[in-house]
N, C-alpha and C. Protein backbone atom coordinates (compact mmCIF):
# COMPACT_ATOMS: atom_id res chain seq x y z
N MET A 1 -19.30 -9.72 5.02
CA MET A 1 -18.86 -8.63 4.16
C MET A 1 -17.34 -8.58 4.15
N ALA A 2 -16.76 -8.47 2.98
CA ALA A 2 -15.31 -8.43 2.84
C ALA A 2 -14.76 -7.07 3.28
N ALA A 3 -13.57 -7.10 3.88
CA ALA A 3 -12.93 -5.86 4.32
C ALA A 3 -12.56 -5.01 3.12
N ARG A 4 -12.71 -3.71 3.28
CA ARG A 4 -12.40 -2.76 2.21
C ARG A 4 -11.53 -1.65 2.77
N LEU A 5 -10.75 -1.07 1.90
CA LEU A 5 -9.80 -0.02 2.25
C LEU A 5 -10.18 1.25 1.49
N ARG A 6 -10.34 2.34 2.20
CA ARG A 6 -10.63 3.62 1.54
C ARG A 6 -9.32 4.31 1.21
N THR A 7 -9.16 4.67 -0.05
CA THR A 7 -7.94 5.34 -0.50
C THR A 7 -8.26 6.16 -1.74
N THR A 8 -7.25 6.64 -2.43
CA THR A 8 -7.45 7.50 -3.59
C THR A 8 -6.69 6.97 -4.80
N CYS A 9 -7.37 6.88 -5.91
CA CYS A 9 -6.77 6.54 -7.20
C CYS A 9 -6.42 7.85 -7.90
N SER A 10 -5.24 7.92 -8.50
CA SER A 10 -4.85 9.16 -9.18
C SER A 10 -5.71 9.44 -10.40
N LEU A 11 -6.40 8.43 -10.92
CA LEU A 11 -7.26 8.63 -12.09
C LEU A 11 -8.74 8.77 -11.73
N CYS A 12 -9.20 8.02 -10.71
CA CYS A 12 -10.63 7.97 -10.37
C CYS A 12 -11.02 8.81 -9.15
N GLY A 13 -10.05 9.16 -8.32
CA GLY A 13 -10.37 9.87 -7.08
C GLY A 13 -10.57 8.88 -5.94
N ASP A 14 -11.48 9.20 -5.02
CA ASP A 14 -11.72 8.35 -3.85
C ASP A 14 -12.34 7.02 -4.27
N VAL A 15 -11.78 5.92 -3.73
CA VAL A 15 -12.27 4.58 -4.04
C VAL A 15 -12.24 3.73 -2.78
N GLU A 16 -13.02 2.64 -2.80
CA GLU A 16 -12.96 1.62 -1.76
C GLU A 16 -12.43 0.35 -2.41
N VAL A 17 -11.27 -0.09 -1.93
CA VAL A 17 -10.57 -1.22 -2.52
C VAL A 17 -10.75 -2.45 -1.63
N PRO A 18 -11.19 -3.56 -2.19
CA PRO A 18 -11.25 -4.79 -1.40
C PRO A 18 -9.83 -5.20 -0.99
N PHE A 19 -9.69 -5.77 0.20
CA PHE A 19 -8.37 -6.21 0.66
C PHE A 19 -7.73 -7.18 -0.33
N SER A 20 -8.56 -7.93 -1.05
CA SER A 20 -8.02 -8.89 -2.02
C SER A 20 -7.31 -8.20 -3.19
N ALA A 21 -7.55 -6.90 -3.39
CA ALA A 21 -6.91 -6.15 -4.47
C ALA A 21 -5.80 -5.24 -3.95
N ALA A 22 -5.40 -5.44 -2.68
CA ALA A 22 -4.37 -4.60 -2.08
C ALA A 22 -3.25 -5.47 -1.51
N ARG A 23 -2.03 -4.94 -1.54
CA ARG A 23 -0.86 -5.63 -1.02
C ARG A 23 0.02 -4.65 -0.27
N LEU A 24 0.69 -5.14 0.75
CA LEU A 24 1.64 -4.32 1.49
C LEU A 24 3.04 -4.74 1.08
N LEU A 25 3.83 -3.80 0.61
CA LEU A 25 5.21 -4.05 0.22
C LEU A 25 6.11 -3.44 1.28
N VAL A 26 6.98 -4.24 1.86
CA VAL A 26 7.79 -3.79 3.00
C VAL A 26 9.27 -3.96 2.69
N SER A 27 10.07 -2.98 3.08
CA SER A 27 11.52 -3.06 2.96
C SER A 27 12.14 -2.43 4.20
N VAL A 28 13.28 -2.93 4.60
CA VAL A 28 14.01 -2.33 5.71
C VAL A 28 15.25 -1.68 5.13
N ASP A 29 15.40 -0.39 5.37
CA ASP A 29 16.51 0.38 4.85
C ASP A 29 17.25 1.00 6.02
N THR A 30 18.39 0.43 6.36
CA THR A 30 19.22 0.89 7.48
C THR A 30 18.39 1.12 8.74
N GLY A 31 17.55 0.15 9.07
CA GLY A 31 16.76 0.25 10.29
C GLY A 31 15.46 1.00 10.14
N GLU A 32 15.25 1.66 9.02
CA GLU A 32 14.01 2.41 8.80
C GLU A 32 13.13 1.62 7.85
N MET A 33 11.88 1.43 8.22
CA MET A 33 10.98 0.70 7.34
C MET A 33 10.46 1.62 6.25
N SER A 34 10.45 1.12 5.03
CA SER A 34 9.88 1.83 3.89
C SER A 34 8.72 0.99 3.40
N ASN A 35 7.52 1.44 3.64
CA ASN A 35 6.33 0.64 3.36
C ASN A 35 5.47 1.28 2.29
N LEU A 36 5.02 0.45 1.37
CA LEU A 36 4.13 0.91 0.31
C LEU A 36 2.86 0.09 0.32
N LEU A 37 1.74 0.78 0.11
CA LEU A 37 0.49 0.11 -0.17
C LEU A 37 0.37 0.08 -1.68
N GLU A 38 0.19 -1.10 -2.23
CA GLU A 38 -0.03 -1.25 -3.67
C GLU A 38 -1.45 -1.79 -3.84
N PHE A 39 -2.22 -1.17 -4.72
CA PHE A 39 -3.58 -1.64 -4.94
C PHE A 39 -4.00 -1.44 -6.38
N ASP A 40 -4.93 -2.28 -6.79
CA ASP A 40 -5.53 -2.18 -8.12
C ASP A 40 -6.86 -1.46 -7.96
N CYS A 41 -7.00 -0.32 -8.63
CA CYS A 41 -8.22 0.47 -8.53
C CYS A 41 -9.41 -0.35 -9.05
N PRO A 42 -10.49 -0.43 -8.25
CA PRO A 42 -11.67 -1.18 -8.70
C PRO A 42 -12.42 -0.47 -9.83
N GLY A 43 -12.15 0.82 -10.02
CA GLY A 43 -12.84 1.57 -11.07
C GLY A 43 -12.17 1.45 -12.43
N CYS A 44 -10.84 1.63 -12.46
CA CYS A 44 -10.14 1.67 -13.75
C CYS A 44 -9.09 0.56 -13.90
N GLY A 45 -8.77 -0.16 -12.81
CA GLY A 45 -7.80 -1.23 -12.89
C GLY A 45 -6.35 -0.78 -12.79
N HIS A 46 -6.12 0.52 -12.71
CA HIS A 46 -4.76 1.06 -12.61
C HIS A 46 -4.11 0.63 -11.29
N THR A 47 -2.84 0.23 -11.33
CA THR A 47 -2.12 -0.13 -10.11
C THR A 47 -1.53 1.14 -9.50
N GLU A 48 -1.85 1.39 -8.25
CA GLU A 48 -1.41 2.58 -7.53
C GLU A 48 -0.47 2.20 -6.39
N HIS A 49 0.33 3.16 -5.95
CA HIS A 49 1.23 2.97 -4.81
C HIS A 49 1.10 4.17 -3.87
N ARG A 50 1.05 3.90 -2.58
CA ARG A 50 0.97 4.95 -1.56
C ARG A 50 1.97 4.63 -0.46
N TRP A 51 2.80 5.61 -0.10
CA TRP A 51 3.71 5.43 1.04
C TRP A 51 2.91 5.39 2.32
N LEU A 52 3.31 4.55 3.25
CA LEU A 52 2.62 4.42 4.53
C LEU A 52 3.55 4.71 5.69
N ASP A 53 3.00 5.31 6.73
CA ASP A 53 3.77 5.47 7.96
C ASP A 53 3.65 4.18 8.78
N GLU A 54 4.38 4.10 9.87
CA GLU A 54 4.40 2.88 10.68
C GLU A 54 3.03 2.57 11.26
N PHE A 55 2.30 3.58 11.70
CA PHE A 55 0.98 3.37 12.28
C PHE A 55 0.02 2.74 11.27
N SER A 56 -0.02 3.30 10.06
CA SER A 56 -0.90 2.77 9.01
C SER A 56 -0.51 1.35 8.64
N THR A 57 0.80 1.10 8.59
CA THR A 57 1.29 -0.25 8.28
C THR A 57 0.81 -1.24 9.32
N ARG A 58 0.93 -0.89 10.59
CA ARG A 58 0.50 -1.79 11.66
C ARG A 58 -1.01 -2.04 11.61
N LEU A 59 -1.78 -1.01 11.31
CA LEU A 59 -3.24 -1.19 11.19
C LEU A 59 -3.58 -2.18 10.08
N LEU A 60 -2.94 -2.02 8.93
CA LEU A 60 -3.22 -2.92 7.82
C LEU A 60 -2.79 -4.35 8.12
N LEU A 61 -1.64 -4.51 8.77
CA LEU A 61 -1.18 -5.85 9.15
C LEU A 61 -2.15 -6.50 10.13
N THR A 62 -2.62 -5.72 11.10
CA THR A 62 -3.58 -6.23 12.07
C THR A 62 -4.89 -6.63 11.40
N ALA A 63 -5.27 -5.88 10.38
CA ALA A 63 -6.52 -6.16 9.66
C ALA A 63 -6.39 -7.35 8.72
N GLY A 64 -5.15 -7.81 8.49
CA GLY A 64 -4.95 -9.01 7.68
C GLY A 64 -4.60 -8.79 6.23
N ILE A 65 -4.07 -7.61 5.88
CA ILE A 65 -3.68 -7.38 4.49
C ILE A 65 -2.54 -8.32 4.09
N ASP A 66 -2.52 -8.69 2.82
CA ASP A 66 -1.45 -9.56 2.31
C ASP A 66 -0.15 -8.77 2.20
N VAL A 67 0.94 -9.43 2.61
CA VAL A 67 2.28 -8.87 2.38
C VAL A 67 2.80 -9.59 1.15
N ALA A 68 2.84 -8.87 0.03
CA ALA A 68 3.10 -9.50 -1.26
C ALA A 68 4.56 -9.76 -1.55
N ALA A 69 5.45 -8.84 -1.18
CA ALA A 69 6.86 -8.99 -1.55
C ALA A 69 7.71 -8.05 -0.73
N ALA A 70 8.96 -8.39 -0.62
CA ALA A 70 9.92 -7.48 -0.02
C ALA A 70 10.53 -6.67 -1.14
N MET A 71 10.53 -5.36 -1.00
CA MET A 71 11.10 -4.49 -2.01
C MET A 71 12.58 -4.31 -1.76
N PRO A 72 13.34 -3.95 -2.78
CA PRO A 72 14.73 -3.54 -2.53
C PRO A 72 14.72 -2.31 -1.63
N ALA A 73 15.79 -2.09 -0.91
CA ALA A 73 15.86 -0.93 -0.01
C ALA A 73 15.63 0.35 -0.80
N LEU A 74 14.76 1.20 -0.27
CA LEU A 74 14.47 2.48 -0.89
C LEU A 74 14.88 3.61 0.04
N GLY A 75 15.62 4.56 -0.49
CA GLY A 75 16.00 5.72 0.29
C GLY A 75 14.96 6.81 0.17
N ARG A 76 15.07 7.81 0.98
CA ARG A 76 14.10 8.92 0.94
C ARG A 76 14.06 9.59 -0.42
N HIS A 77 15.20 9.64 -1.13
CA HIS A 77 15.24 10.29 -2.44
C HIS A 77 14.45 9.51 -3.48
N ASP A 78 14.12 8.24 -3.20
CA ASP A 78 13.37 7.41 -4.13
C ASP A 78 11.86 7.53 -3.94
N ARG A 79 11.41 8.31 -3.02
CA ARG A 79 9.98 8.39 -2.68
C ARG A 79 9.23 9.38 -3.54
N SER A 80 9.40 9.28 -4.84
CA SER A 80 8.77 10.23 -5.75
C SER A 80 7.38 9.81 -6.17
N ARG A 81 6.94 8.60 -5.84
CA ARG A 81 5.60 8.14 -6.25
C ARG A 81 4.54 8.69 -5.35
């Protein structure tokens, strides 16, 4: 059975996303990690983004999620998503 991630789509509500449809985007901003989970909703196909804390990031990395790209440095004021 393929690993799945439980999260929320802004259009569909609660969803289970296969790891193959999720990516971890990581950036280092003055020593602080800014991590985003990016996923394609299995219900509607919409691409979503969720900010992650360090603990959640480590869990996903341990579980084998793909790290898709390094983002440009993001400051706290940019966390409007």
